[in-house]
Amino acid sequence: MTDSPNPNPVSKAPQQTRSRQTELRLMEATMALLKEGGLEACQIPEVARRAGVSVGAVYRRFDDKNALLAATFRHTFSCQVEGREVLRAHLADQPSLEAIFHSLVSAFVASLVASGKFTAALQRFARHEADASFQALVKETRRQSIALMEDVIRTKAPASVSNDQIRFALVAVTATLNALMLNDEAEALGWSATDPRIVDEMTRLAMRYLVTPAA
């Protein structure tokens, strides 16, 4: 007597596909809410409503709000890999160190503006809500981003500039832009988040640090 074929692999495939599609809709709804209103706006009932599912469907896939947020942020990180490579190629095409920094700062500012309150929500979640594994992922993602940009800048930086100095310049620029854009510090200057002077002045700051000889 021969065994009959097991129908489970065939029958489960559409279910698994639908389940994955539902997860993606939930994460997309979460991202939209985070962009619009930050962590406070991201409530499970509203996520469910926007995704077109029941609240119970959310909890069948995620234990709680933190689990949903962590999955959403992890999904965002995975989607950013290709974007980083595109940015790297664009920076590598720039003719000078100043042009690299100008393009890099422009891209970073555009990303912060486009993300709305999403980036601030991510940073707040990573600092106060996330577990150790998620915090480690954030640090590693940031390390990879810095390393990618450092490699490109190294090709145009003076030989006298050390890799430590390049990394410091990158961390200083991104930290300052975060403060200006996410903490509304630009308002103290009377500038909007899209004021072109932000890009020009941050580029000048980086160039002064890397190119001006030490006293």
N, C-alpha and C. Protein backbone atom coordinates (compact mmCIF):
# COMPACT_ATOMS: atom_id res chain seq x y z
N MET A 1 0.85 -1.20 0.00
CA MET A 1 0.00 0.00 0.00
C MET A 1 0.88 1.24 0.00
N THR A 2 0.65 2.11 -0.91
CA THR A 2 1.47 3.33 -1.00
C THR A 2 0.84 4.45 -0.21
N ASP A 3 1.72 5.31 0.31
CA ASP A 3 1.21 6.47 1.05
C ASP A 3 0.60 7.46 0.09
N SER A 4 -0.49 8.07 0.48
CA SER A 4 -1.10 9.11 -0.35
C SER A 4 -0.32 10.39 -0.19
N PRO A 5 -0.24 11.21 -1.24
CA PRO A 5 0.51 12.48 -1.16
C PRO A 5 -0.03 13.36 -0.05
N ASN A 6 0.88 14.02 0.61
CA ASN A 6 0.50 14.95 1.67
C ASN A 6 0.06 16.28 1.05
N PRO A 7 -1.20 16.66 1.24
CA PRO A 7 -1.69 17.88 0.59
C PRO A 7 -1.26 19.15 1.30
N ASN A 8 -0.67 19.05 2.49
CA ASN A 8 -0.39 20.24 3.29
C ASN A 8 0.51 21.27 2.61
N PRO A 9 1.65 20.86 1.96
CA PRO A 9 2.49 21.88 1.32
C PRO A 9 1.74 22.72 0.31
N VAL A 10 0.81 22.09 -0.42
CA VAL A 10 0.06 22.82 -1.45
C VAL A 10 -0.99 23.72 -0.79
N SER A 11 -1.70 23.16 0.18
CA SER A 11 -2.79 23.92 0.78
C SER A 11 -2.28 25.06 1.65
N LYS A 12 -1.10 24.89 2.25
CA LYS A 12 -0.58 25.92 3.14
C LYS A 12 0.02 27.10 2.39
N ALA A 13 0.49 26.85 1.16
CA ALA A 13 1.17 27.91 0.43
C ALA A 13 0.32 29.15 0.25
N PRO A 14 -0.94 29.04 -0.23
CA PRO A 14 -1.76 30.26 -0.35
C PRO A 14 -2.02 30.92 0.99
N GLN A 15 -2.20 30.10 2.05
CA GLN A 15 -2.42 30.66 3.38
C GLN A 15 -1.21 31.44 3.84
N GLN A 16 -0.02 30.86 3.60
CA GLN A 16 1.21 31.54 4.01
C GLN A 16 1.39 32.83 3.22
N THR A 17 1.05 32.80 1.94
CA THR A 17 1.16 34.00 1.11
C THR A 17 0.22 35.09 1.61
N ARG A 18 -1.03 34.70 1.92
CA ARG A 18 -2.00 35.67 2.42
C ARG A 18 -1.57 36.22 3.78
N SER A 19 -1.01 35.35 4.61
CA SER A 19 -0.56 35.79 5.93
C SER A 19 0.58 36.80 5.80
N ARG A 20 1.51 36.53 4.88
CA ARG A 20 2.61 37.46 4.67
C ARG A 20 2.09 38.78 4.11
N GLN A 21 1.14 38.72 3.21
CA GLN A 21 0.56 39.95 2.66
C GLN A 21 -0.13 40.76 3.75
N THR A 22 -0.80 40.08 4.67
CA THR A 22 -1.44 40.77 5.78
C THR A 22 -0.40 41.43 6.68
N GLU A 23 0.70 40.73 6.96
CA GLU A 23 1.78 41.30 7.77
C GLU A 23 2.34 42.55 7.10
N LEU A 24 2.53 42.49 5.80
CA LEU A 24 3.07 43.65 5.08
C LEU A 24 2.10 44.82 5.15
N ARG A 25 0.79 44.55 5.01
CA ARG A 25 -0.19 45.63 5.11
C ARG A 25 -0.16 46.25 6.51
N LEU A 26 -0.01 45.42 7.52
CA LEU A 26 0.06 45.92 8.89
C LEU A 26 1.30 46.80 9.09
N MET A 27 2.42 46.36 8.54
CA MET A 27 3.64 47.15 8.69
C MET A 27 3.56 48.44 7.88
N GLU A 28 2.94 48.39 6.71
CA GLU A 28 2.77 49.61 5.92
C GLU A 28 1.86 50.60 6.63
N ALA A 29 0.80 50.09 7.24
CA ALA A 29 -0.09 50.97 8.01
C ALA A 29 0.64 51.57 9.21
N THR A 30 1.46 50.75 9.85
CA THR A 30 2.25 51.24 10.99
C THR A 30 3.22 52.33 10.55
N MET A 31 3.89 52.11 9.45
CA MET A 31 4.83 53.11 8.94
C MET A 31 4.12 54.42 8.63
N ALA A 32 2.95 54.34 8.04
CA ALA A 32 2.20 55.55 7.70
C ALA A 32 1.81 56.32 8.96
N LEU A 33 1.36 55.61 9.97
CA LEU A 33 0.98 56.27 11.22
C LEU A 33 2.18 56.89 11.93
N LEU A 34 3.30 56.19 11.92
CA LEU A 34 4.51 56.72 12.53
C LEU A 34 4.97 57.98 11.80
N LYS A 35 4.88 57.97 10.49
CA LYS A 35 5.26 59.14 9.70
C LYS A 35 4.36 60.32 10.01
N GLU A 36 3.08 60.07 10.18
CA GLU A 36 2.12 61.15 10.41
C GLU A 36 2.18 61.71 11.83
N GLY A 37 2.29 60.81 12.82
CA GLY A 37 2.14 61.28 14.19
C GLY A 37 3.10 60.71 15.21
N GLY A 38 4.08 59.93 14.78
CA GLY A 38 5.03 59.36 15.73
C GLY A 38 4.45 58.19 16.51
N LEU A 39 5.11 57.83 17.60
CA LEU A 39 4.71 56.66 18.37
C LEU A 39 3.30 56.80 18.96
N GLU A 40 2.94 58.01 19.36
CA GLU A 40 1.62 58.21 19.98
C GLU A 40 0.49 57.89 19.01
N ALA A 41 0.71 58.16 17.73
CA ALA A 41 -0.34 57.95 16.73
C ALA A 41 -0.50 56.49 16.35
N CYS A 42 0.48 55.69 16.68
CA CYS A 42 0.47 54.29 16.27
C CYS A 42 -0.25 53.44 17.33
N GLN A 43 -1.55 53.31 17.18
CA GLN A 43 -2.37 52.51 18.08
C GLN A 43 -2.93 51.31 17.32
N ILE A 44 -2.97 50.17 17.99
CA ILE A 44 -3.35 48.92 17.32
C ILE A 44 -4.70 49.01 16.60
N PRO A 45 -5.74 49.56 17.21
CA PRO A 45 -7.02 49.63 16.48
C PRO A 45 -6.93 50.42 15.17
N GLU A 46 -6.15 51.51 15.18
CA GLU A 46 -6.03 52.31 13.96
C GLU A 46 -5.17 51.59 12.93
N VAL A 47 -4.14 50.87 13.38
CA VAL A 47 -3.33 50.06 12.46
C VAL A 47 -4.22 49.03 11.78
N ALA A 48 -5.05 48.36 12.57
CA ALA A 48 -5.95 47.33 12.02
C ALA A 48 -6.92 47.94 11.02
N ARG A 49 -7.48 49.10 11.37
CA ARG A 49 -8.44 49.74 10.47
C ARG A 49 -7.80 50.08 9.14
N ARG A 50 -6.61 50.64 9.18
CA ARG A 50 -5.95 51.04 7.93
C ARG A 50 -5.52 49.84 7.10
N ALA A 51 -5.18 48.76 7.78
CA ALA A 51 -4.76 47.56 7.06
C ALA A 51 -5.93 46.74 6.58
N GLY A 52 -7.14 47.09 7.03
CA GLY A 52 -8.33 46.37 6.60
C GLY A 52 -8.50 45.02 7.26
N VAL A 53 -8.04 44.90 8.51
CA VAL A 53 -8.17 43.63 9.23
C VAL A 53 -8.75 43.91 10.62
N SER A 54 -9.08 42.86 11.33
CA SER A 54 -9.58 43.01 12.69
C SER A 54 -8.42 43.21 13.67
N VAL A 55 -8.75 43.74 14.84
CA VAL A 55 -7.73 43.88 15.88
C VAL A 55 -7.18 42.51 16.26
N GLY A 56 -8.05 41.51 16.27
CA GLY A 56 -7.60 40.16 16.59
C GLY A 56 -6.57 39.64 15.61
N ALA A 57 -6.71 40.02 14.33
CA ALA A 57 -5.74 39.60 13.32
C ALA A 57 -4.36 40.17 13.60
N VAL A 58 -4.32 41.36 14.17
CA VAL A 58 -3.04 41.96 14.53
C VAL A 58 -2.38 41.15 15.64
N TYR A 59 -3.16 40.83 16.67
CA TYR A 59 -2.60 40.12 17.82
C TYR A 59 -2.30 38.65 17.52
N ARG A 60 -2.86 38.11 16.46
CA ARG A 60 -2.48 36.75 16.06
C ARG A 60 -1.09 36.73 15.45
N ARG A 61 -0.63 37.87 14.99
CA ARG A 61 0.69 37.95 14.35
C ARG A 61 1.74 38.63 15.22
N PHE A 62 1.30 39.53 16.09
CA PHE A 62 2.23 40.27 16.94
C PHE A 62 1.71 40.26 18.38
N ASP A 63 2.60 39.99 19.31
CA ASP A 63 2.18 39.87 20.71
C ASP A 63 1.62 41.17 21.27
N ASP A 64 2.25 42.27 20.88
CA ASP A 64 1.82 43.57 21.40
C ASP A 64 2.31 44.67 20.46
N LYS A 65 2.09 45.90 20.85
CA LYS A 65 2.48 47.04 20.02
C LYS A 65 3.98 47.08 19.80
N ASN A 66 4.76 46.78 20.84
CA ASN A 66 6.21 46.80 20.70
C ASN A 66 6.70 45.79 19.66
N ALA A 67 6.07 44.61 19.65
CA ALA A 67 6.45 43.59 18.68
C ALA A 67 6.14 44.06 17.25
N LEU A 68 5.01 44.72 17.08
CA LEU A 68 4.64 45.26 15.77
C LEU A 68 5.62 46.35 15.35
N LEU A 69 5.96 47.23 16.27
CA LEU A 69 6.90 48.31 15.95
C LEU A 69 8.27 47.74 15.59
N ALA A 70 8.75 46.77 16.38
CA ALA A 70 10.07 46.19 16.10
C ALA A 70 10.09 45.54 14.73
N ALA A 71 9.03 44.80 14.39
CA ALA A 71 8.97 44.15 13.08
C ALA A 71 8.94 45.19 11.96
N THR A 72 8.22 46.27 12.18
CA THR A 72 8.13 47.33 11.18
C THR A 72 9.48 48.00 10.96
N PHE A 73 10.16 48.31 12.03
CA PHE A 73 11.47 48.95 11.91
C PHE A 73 12.49 48.00 11.27
N ARG A 74 12.43 46.73 11.63
CA ARG A 74 13.33 45.75 11.01
C ARG A 74 13.07 45.65 9.51
N HIS A 75 11.80 45.66 9.14
CA HIS A 75 11.44 45.63 7.72
C HIS A 75 12.00 46.86 7.00
N THR A 76 11.92 48.01 7.66
CA THR A 76 12.45 49.24 7.08
C THR A 76 13.95 49.12 6.84
N PHE A 77 14.68 48.57 7.82
CA PHE A 77 16.13 48.40 7.68
C PHE A 77 16.45 47.53 6.47
N SER A 78 15.71 46.44 6.30
CA SER A 78 15.98 45.54 5.18
C SER A 78 15.71 46.21 3.84
N CYS A 79 14.74 47.11 3.81
CA CYS A 79 14.40 47.81 2.57
C CYS A 79 15.42 48.91 2.24
N GLN A 80 16.19 49.34 3.25
CA GLN A 80 17.13 50.43 3.04
C GLN A 80 18.46 49.98 2.42
N VAL A 81 18.70 48.68 2.37
CA VAL A 81 19.99 48.18 1.87
C VAL A 81 20.23 48.63 0.44
N GLU A 82 19.24 48.44 -0.42
CA GLU A 82 19.38 48.84 -1.81
C GLU A 82 19.55 50.35 -1.93
N GLY A 83 18.81 51.10 -1.11
CA GLY A 83 18.92 52.55 -1.14
C GLY A 83 20.32 53.04 -0.78
N ARG A 84 20.95 52.36 0.18
CA ARG A 84 22.31 52.75 0.57
C ARG A 84 23.29 52.53 -0.57
N GLU A 85 23.10 51.45 -1.30
CA GLU A 85 24.00 51.17 -2.43
C GLU A 85 23.81 52.19 -3.55
N VAL A 86 22.57 52.60 -3.76
CA VAL A 86 22.30 53.64 -4.77
C VAL A 86 22.97 54.94 -4.36
N LEU A 87 22.88 55.28 -3.07
CA LEU A 87 23.52 56.50 -2.57
C LEU A 87 25.03 56.40 -2.71
N ARG A 88 25.58 55.25 -2.40
CA ARG A 88 27.02 55.07 -2.52
C ARG A 88 27.49 55.30 -3.95
N ALA A 89 26.77 54.74 -4.91
CA ALA A 89 27.13 54.92 -6.32
C ALA A 89 27.05 56.39 -6.71
N HIS A 90 26.02 57.08 -6.22
CA HIS A 90 25.86 58.51 -6.53
C HIS A 90 27.01 59.32 -5.94
N LEU A 91 27.38 59.03 -4.71
CA LEU A 91 28.48 59.76 -4.07
C LEU A 91 29.81 59.48 -4.77
N ALA A 92 29.99 58.25 -5.21
CA ALA A 92 31.24 57.88 -5.88
C ALA A 92 31.42 58.63 -7.20
N ASP A 93 30.33 59.08 -7.79
CA ASP A 93 30.39 59.81 -9.06
C ASP A 93 30.73 61.29 -8.87
N GLN A 94 30.77 61.77 -7.63
CA GLN A 94 31.01 63.19 -7.39
C GLN A 94 32.49 63.52 -7.63
N PRO A 95 32.77 64.70 -8.15
CA PRO A 95 34.14 65.02 -8.58
C PRO A 95 35.08 65.46 -7.46
N SER A 96 34.56 65.78 -6.29
CA SER A 96 35.43 66.32 -5.23
C SER A 96 34.87 65.96 -3.86
N LEU A 97 35.71 66.16 -2.84
CA LEU A 97 35.28 65.91 -1.47
C LEU A 97 34.11 66.81 -1.09
N GLU A 98 34.19 68.07 -1.47
CA GLU A 98 33.10 68.99 -1.16
C GLU A 98 31.80 68.57 -1.82
N ALA A 99 31.90 68.11 -3.07
CA ALA A 99 30.69 67.66 -3.79
C ALA A 99 30.10 66.42 -3.14
N ILE A 100 30.96 65.54 -2.62
CA ILE A 100 30.48 64.35 -1.92
C ILE A 100 29.69 64.75 -0.69
N PHE A 101 30.24 65.64 0.12
CA PHE A 101 29.55 66.05 1.34
C PHE A 101 28.26 66.80 1.03
N HIS A 102 28.30 67.63 0.00
CA HIS A 102 27.09 68.38 -0.36
C HIS A 102 25.99 67.41 -0.78
N SER A 103 26.33 66.41 -1.57
CA SER A 103 25.34 65.42 -2.01
C SER A 103 24.86 64.57 -0.84
N LEU A 104 25.80 64.21 0.05
CA LEU A 104 25.45 63.39 1.20
C LEU A 104 24.50 64.13 2.14
N VAL A 105 24.82 65.38 2.45
CA VAL A 105 23.97 66.16 3.34
C VAL A 105 22.60 66.40 2.69
N SER A 106 22.59 66.68 1.41
CA SER A 106 21.32 66.89 0.69
C SER A 106 20.44 65.65 0.79
N ALA A 107 21.04 64.49 0.59
CA ALA A 107 20.28 63.24 0.64
C ALA A 107 19.76 62.98 2.04
N PHE A 108 20.58 63.26 3.05
CA PHE A 108 20.17 63.02 4.43
C PHE A 108 19.03 63.96 4.83
N VAL A 109 19.14 65.22 4.45
CA VAL A 109 18.08 66.18 4.76
C VAL A 109 16.78 65.78 4.05
N ALA A 110 16.88 65.42 2.78
CA ALA A 110 15.69 65.02 2.02
C ALA A 110 15.03 63.80 2.66
N SER A 111 15.84 62.87 3.14
CA SER A 111 15.30 61.67 3.79
C SER A 111 14.58 62.02 5.08
N LEU A 112 15.16 62.91 5.88
CA LEU A 112 14.52 63.31 7.14
C LEU A 112 13.21 64.05 6.89
N VAL A 113 13.21 64.91 5.88
CA VAL A 113 11.98 65.64 5.56
C VAL A 113 10.89 64.68 5.09
N ALA A 114 11.26 63.74 4.22
CA ALA A 114 10.29 62.80 3.66
C ALA A 114 9.75 61.84 4.71
N SER A 115 10.55 61.55 5.73
CA SER A 115 10.14 60.55 6.72
C SER A 115 9.14 61.08 7.73
N GLY A 116 8.90 62.39 7.73
CA GLY A 116 7.98 62.96 8.70
C GLY A 116 8.46 62.69 10.12
N LYS A 117 7.58 62.08 10.94
CA LYS A 117 7.94 61.79 12.33
C LYS A 117 8.44 60.36 12.52
N PHE A 118 8.66 59.66 11.39
CA PHE A 118 9.06 58.26 11.46
C PHE A 118 10.44 58.09 12.09
N THR A 119 11.42 58.87 11.64
CA THR A 119 12.79 58.71 12.13
C THR A 119 12.88 59.03 13.61
N ALA A 120 12.20 60.08 14.04
CA ALA A 120 12.20 60.42 15.47
C ALA A 120 11.56 59.29 16.28
N ALA A 121 10.51 58.68 15.74
CA ALA A 121 9.86 57.56 16.44
C ALA A 121 10.80 56.37 16.55
N LEU A 122 11.53 56.10 15.48
CA LEU A 122 12.51 55.01 15.50
C LEU A 122 13.57 55.24 16.57
N GLN A 123 14.11 56.44 16.60
CA GLN A 123 15.16 56.74 17.57
C GLN A 123 14.64 56.65 19.00
N ARG A 124 13.44 57.14 19.22
CA ARG A 124 12.85 57.06 20.56
C ARG A 124 12.59 55.62 20.96
N PHE A 125 12.07 54.83 20.03
CA PHE A 125 11.80 53.42 20.31
C PHE A 125 13.09 52.69 20.64
N ALA A 126 14.14 52.94 19.85
CA ALA A 126 15.41 52.25 20.07
C ALA A 126 16.02 52.59 21.43
N ARG A 127 15.83 53.84 21.86
CA ARG A 127 16.42 54.27 23.14
C ARG A 127 15.65 53.77 24.35
N HIS A 128 14.34 53.73 24.24
CA HIS A 128 13.53 53.53 25.45
C HIS A 128 12.66 52.27 25.47
N GLU A 129 12.34 51.72 24.31
CA GLU A 129 11.37 50.63 24.29
C GLU A 129 11.93 49.29 23.82
N ALA A 130 12.93 49.34 22.98
CA ALA A 130 13.39 48.12 22.30
C ALA A 130 14.22 47.23 23.22
N ASP A 131 14.28 45.95 22.84
CA ASP A 131 15.13 45.03 23.59
C ASP A 131 16.57 45.11 23.09
N ALA A 132 17.46 44.35 23.73
CA ALA A 132 18.89 44.44 23.43
C ALA A 132 19.20 44.04 21.99
N SER A 133 18.49 43.04 21.47
CA SER A 133 18.77 42.59 20.10
C SER A 133 18.42 43.66 19.08
N PHE A 134 17.33 44.38 19.32
CA PHE A 134 16.95 45.45 18.40
C PHE A 134 17.94 46.61 18.49
N GLN A 135 18.36 46.96 19.69
CA GLN A 135 19.33 48.02 19.87
C GLN A 135 20.64 47.67 19.17
N ALA A 136 21.03 46.40 19.24
CA ALA A 136 22.24 45.95 18.56
C ALA A 136 22.09 46.08 17.04
N LEU A 137 20.88 45.77 16.54
CA LEU A 137 20.62 45.89 15.10
C LEU A 137 20.73 47.34 14.66
N VAL A 138 20.20 48.26 15.45
CA VAL A 138 20.28 49.69 15.12
C VAL A 138 21.75 50.13 15.06
N LYS A 139 22.54 49.71 16.03
CA LYS A 139 23.95 50.09 16.06
C LYS A 139 24.70 49.52 14.86
N GLU A 140 24.40 48.27 14.51
CA GLU A 140 25.08 47.65 13.39
C GLU A 140 24.67 48.30 12.07
N THR A 141 23.40 48.64 11.93
CA THR A 141 22.93 49.32 10.72
C THR A 141 23.62 50.67 10.57
N ARG A 142 23.74 51.38 11.67
CA ARG A 142 24.41 52.68 11.65
C ARG A 142 25.89 52.52 11.32
N ARG A 143 26.52 51.49 11.89
CA ARG A 143 27.94 51.25 11.62
C ARG A 143 28.16 50.96 10.14
N GLN A 144 27.27 50.16 9.54
CA GLN A 144 27.40 49.85 8.12
C GLN A 144 27.23 51.09 7.26
N SER A 145 26.30 51.95 7.64
CA SER A 145 26.07 53.18 6.87
C SER A 145 27.29 54.10 6.93
N ILE A 146 27.84 54.25 8.13
CA ILE A 146 29.03 55.09 8.29
C ILE A 146 30.19 54.51 7.49
N ALA A 147 30.38 53.19 7.55
CA ALA A 147 31.47 52.54 6.83
C ALA A 147 31.33 52.73 5.33
N LEU A 148 30.10 52.62 4.84
CA LEU A 148 29.85 52.80 3.40
C LEU A 148 30.24 54.21 2.97
N MET A 149 29.81 55.21 3.72
CA MET A 149 30.12 56.60 3.36
C MET A 149 31.61 56.90 3.54
N GLU A 150 32.21 56.31 4.57
CA GLU A 150 33.64 56.52 4.82
C GLU A 150 34.47 56.04 3.64
N ASP A 151 34.11 54.88 3.07
CA ASP A 151 34.86 54.34 1.94
C ASP A 151 34.86 55.30 0.76
N VAL A 152 33.70 55.92 0.50
CA VAL A 152 33.61 56.85 -0.64
C VAL A 152 34.41 58.12 -0.35
N ILE A 153 34.26 58.65 0.85
CA ILE A 153 34.95 59.89 1.22
C ILE A 153 36.47 59.69 1.19
N ARG A 154 36.91 58.51 1.57
CA ARG A 154 38.35 58.21 1.59
C ARG A 154 38.98 58.41 0.22
N THR A 155 38.22 58.17 -0.85
CA THR A 155 38.77 58.29 -2.20
C THR A 155 39.09 59.72 -2.58
N LYS A 156 38.45 60.71 -1.92
CA LYS A 156 38.67 62.11 -2.27
C LYS A 156 39.30 62.92 -1.14
N ALA A 157 39.40 62.34 0.04
CA ALA A 157 39.96 63.07 1.18
C ALA A 157 41.48 63.16 1.07
N PRO A 158 42.07 64.24 1.58
CA PRO A 158 43.54 64.34 1.59
C PRO A 158 44.17 63.17 2.34
N ALA A 159 45.35 62.79 1.91
CA ALA A 159 46.03 61.66 2.55
C ALA A 159 46.30 61.91 4.03
N SER A 160 46.42 63.18 4.40
CA SER A 160 46.71 63.53 5.79
C SER A 160 45.50 63.32 6.72
N VAL A 161 44.33 63.15 6.15
CA VAL A 161 43.11 62.96 6.93
C VAL A 161 42.98 61.47 7.29
N SER A 162 42.86 61.18 8.57
CA SER A 162 42.75 59.80 9.02
C SER A 162 41.33 59.28 8.88
N ASN A 163 41.21 57.96 8.92
CA ASN A 163 39.88 57.36 8.88
C ASN A 163 39.06 57.75 10.11
N ASP A 164 39.72 57.89 11.24
CA ASP A 164 39.02 58.33 12.45
C ASP A 164 38.41 59.71 12.25
N GLN A 165 39.15 60.59 11.59
CA GLN A 165 38.64 61.95 11.34
C GLN A 165 37.44 61.92 10.39
N ILE A 166 37.50 61.05 9.39
CA ILE A 166 36.37 60.93 8.47
C ILE A 166 35.14 60.43 9.21
N ARG A 167 35.31 59.40 10.04
CA ARG A 167 34.17 58.88 10.80
C ARG A 167 33.62 59.92 11.75
N PHE A 168 34.52 60.67 12.40
CA PHE A 168 34.05 61.71 13.32
C PHE A 168 33.25 62.77 12.57
N ALA A 169 33.73 63.16 11.40
CA ALA A 169 33.00 64.16 10.61
C ALA A 169 31.61 63.65 10.24
N LEU A 170 31.52 62.39 9.85
CA LEU A 170 30.22 61.82 9.47
C LEU A 170 29.27 61.76 10.66
N VAL A 171 29.77 61.31 11.81
CA VAL A 171 28.93 61.23 13.00
C VAL A 171 28.50 62.63 13.44
N ALA A 172 29.42 63.59 13.38
CA ALA A 172 29.09 64.96 13.77
C ALA A 172 28.03 65.57 12.85
N VAL A 173 28.18 65.34 11.56
CA VAL A 173 27.22 65.89 10.60
C VAL A 173 25.85 65.28 10.79
N THR A 174 25.78 63.94 10.91
CA THR A 174 24.47 63.30 11.05
C THR A 174 23.82 63.66 12.39
N ALA A 175 24.62 63.75 13.45
CA ALA A 175 24.06 64.11 14.76
C ALA A 175 23.52 65.54 14.74
N THR A 176 24.26 66.45 14.11
CA THR A 176 23.82 67.84 14.03
C THR A 176 22.55 67.97 13.20
N LEU A 177 22.50 67.25 12.09
CA LEU A 177 21.31 67.29 11.25
C LEU A 177 20.10 66.71 11.98
N ASN A 178 20.32 65.64 12.74
CA ASN A 178 19.22 65.09 13.55
C ASN A 178 18.68 66.13 14.51
N ALA A 179 19.59 66.86 15.16
CA ALA A 179 19.15 67.89 16.11
C ALA A 179 18.41 69.01 15.39
N LEU A 180 18.93 69.43 14.26
CA LEU A 180 18.30 70.52 13.51
C LEU A 180 16.93 70.12 12.98
N MET A 181 16.83 68.91 12.46
CA MET A 181 15.63 68.50 11.74
C MET A 181 14.58 67.86 12.65
N LEU A 182 15.04 67.05 13.60
CA LEU A 182 14.10 66.29 14.41
C LEU A 182 13.73 66.99 15.71
N ASN A 183 14.61 67.84 16.21
CA ASN A 183 14.34 68.55 17.46
C ASN A 183 13.98 70.01 17.24
N ASP A 184 13.73 70.34 15.98
CA ASP A 184 13.29 71.70 15.62
C ASP A 184 14.31 72.78 15.99
N GLU A 185 15.59 72.40 16.05
CA GLU A 185 16.61 73.39 16.38
C GLU A 185 16.81 74.39 15.24
N ALA A 186 16.43 74.01 14.02
CA ALA A 186 16.57 74.94 12.90
C ALA A 186 15.73 76.19 13.12
N GLU A 187 14.65 76.04 13.90
CA GLU A 187 13.80 77.19 14.16
C GLU A 187 14.54 78.28 14.94
N ALA A 188 15.54 77.87 15.74
CA ALA A 188 16.32 78.85 16.49
C ALA A 188 17.12 79.75 15.55
N LEU A 189 17.38 79.24 14.35
CA LEU A 189 18.09 80.03 13.34
C LEU A 189 17.12 80.82 12.47
N GLY A 190 15.84 80.57 12.66
CA GLY A 190 14.85 81.19 11.78
C GLY A 190 14.80 80.52 10.42
N TRP A 191 15.24 79.25 10.36
CA TRP A 191 15.26 78.50 9.10
C TRP A 191 14.20 77.41 9.13
N SER A 192 13.65 77.11 7.97
CA SER A 192 12.76 75.96 7.84
C SER A 192 13.60 74.71 7.61
N ALA A 193 12.98 73.55 7.72
CA ALA A 193 13.70 72.29 7.54
C ALA A 193 14.22 72.12 6.11
N THR A 194 13.61 72.85 5.17
CA THR A 194 14.03 72.73 3.77
C THR A 194 14.89 73.90 3.31
N ASP A 195 15.33 74.72 4.24
CA ASP A 195 16.16 75.87 3.87
C ASP A 195 17.49 75.37 3.30
N PRO A 196 17.86 75.78 2.09
CA PRO A 196 19.11 75.29 1.47
C PRO A 196 20.36 75.67 2.24
N ARG A 197 20.26 76.66 3.14
CA ARG A 197 21.42 77.04 3.93
C ARG A 197 21.86 75.92 4.86
N ILE A 198 20.95 75.04 5.24
CA ILE A 198 21.32 73.91 6.10
C ILE A 198 22.35 73.04 5.38
N VAL A 199 22.08 72.71 4.13
CA VAL A 199 23.00 71.88 3.36
C VAL A 199 24.32 72.60 3.15
N ASP A 200 24.25 73.87 2.78
CA ASP A 200 25.48 74.63 2.51
C ASP A 200 26.35 74.76 3.76
N GLU A 201 25.74 75.08 4.89
CA GLU A 201 26.52 75.29 6.11
C GLU A 201 27.07 73.99 6.68
N MET A 202 26.31 72.90 6.58
CA MET A 202 26.81 71.62 7.06
C MET A 202 27.95 71.12 6.19
N THR A 203 27.87 71.38 4.90
CA THR A 203 28.96 71.02 4.00
C THR A 203 30.21 71.83 4.35
N ARG A 204 30.02 73.11 4.59
CA ARG A 204 31.15 73.98 4.94
C ARG A 204 31.78 73.54 6.27
N LEU A 205 30.95 73.16 7.22
CA LEU A 205 31.45 72.70 8.52
C LEU A 205 32.34 71.46 8.34
N ALA A 206 31.86 70.50 7.57
CA ALA A 206 32.63 69.27 7.34
C ALA A 206 33.94 69.56 6.63
N MET A 207 33.89 70.43 5.63
CA MET A 207 35.11 70.75 4.88
C MET A 207 36.12 71.48 5.76
N ARG A 208 35.65 72.40 6.58
CA ARG A 208 36.57 73.11 7.48
C ARG A 208 37.28 72.13 8.40
N TYR A 209 36.55 71.17 8.92
CA TYR A 209 37.14 70.20 9.84
C TYR A 209 38.16 69.30 9.15
N LEU A 210 37.81 68.81 7.95
CA LEU A 210 38.67 67.83 7.30
C LEU A 210 39.82 68.43 6.51
N VAL A 211 39.65 69.64 6.02
CA VAL A 211 40.64 70.21 5.11
C VAL A 211 41.53 71.26 5.78
N THR A 212 40.99 72.01 6.75
CA THR A 212 41.78 73.05 7.40
C THR A 212 42.88 72.41 8.25
N PRO A 213 44.15 72.77 8.04
CA PRO A 213 45.24 72.18 8.83
C PRO A 213 45.08 72.50 10.31
N ALA A 214 45.44 71.53 11.14
CA ALA A 214 45.40 71.76 12.59
C ALA A 214 46.45 72.77 12.98
N ALA A 215 46.11 73.60 13.99
CA ALA A 215 47.05 74.64 14.43
C ALA A 215 48.25 74.01 15.14
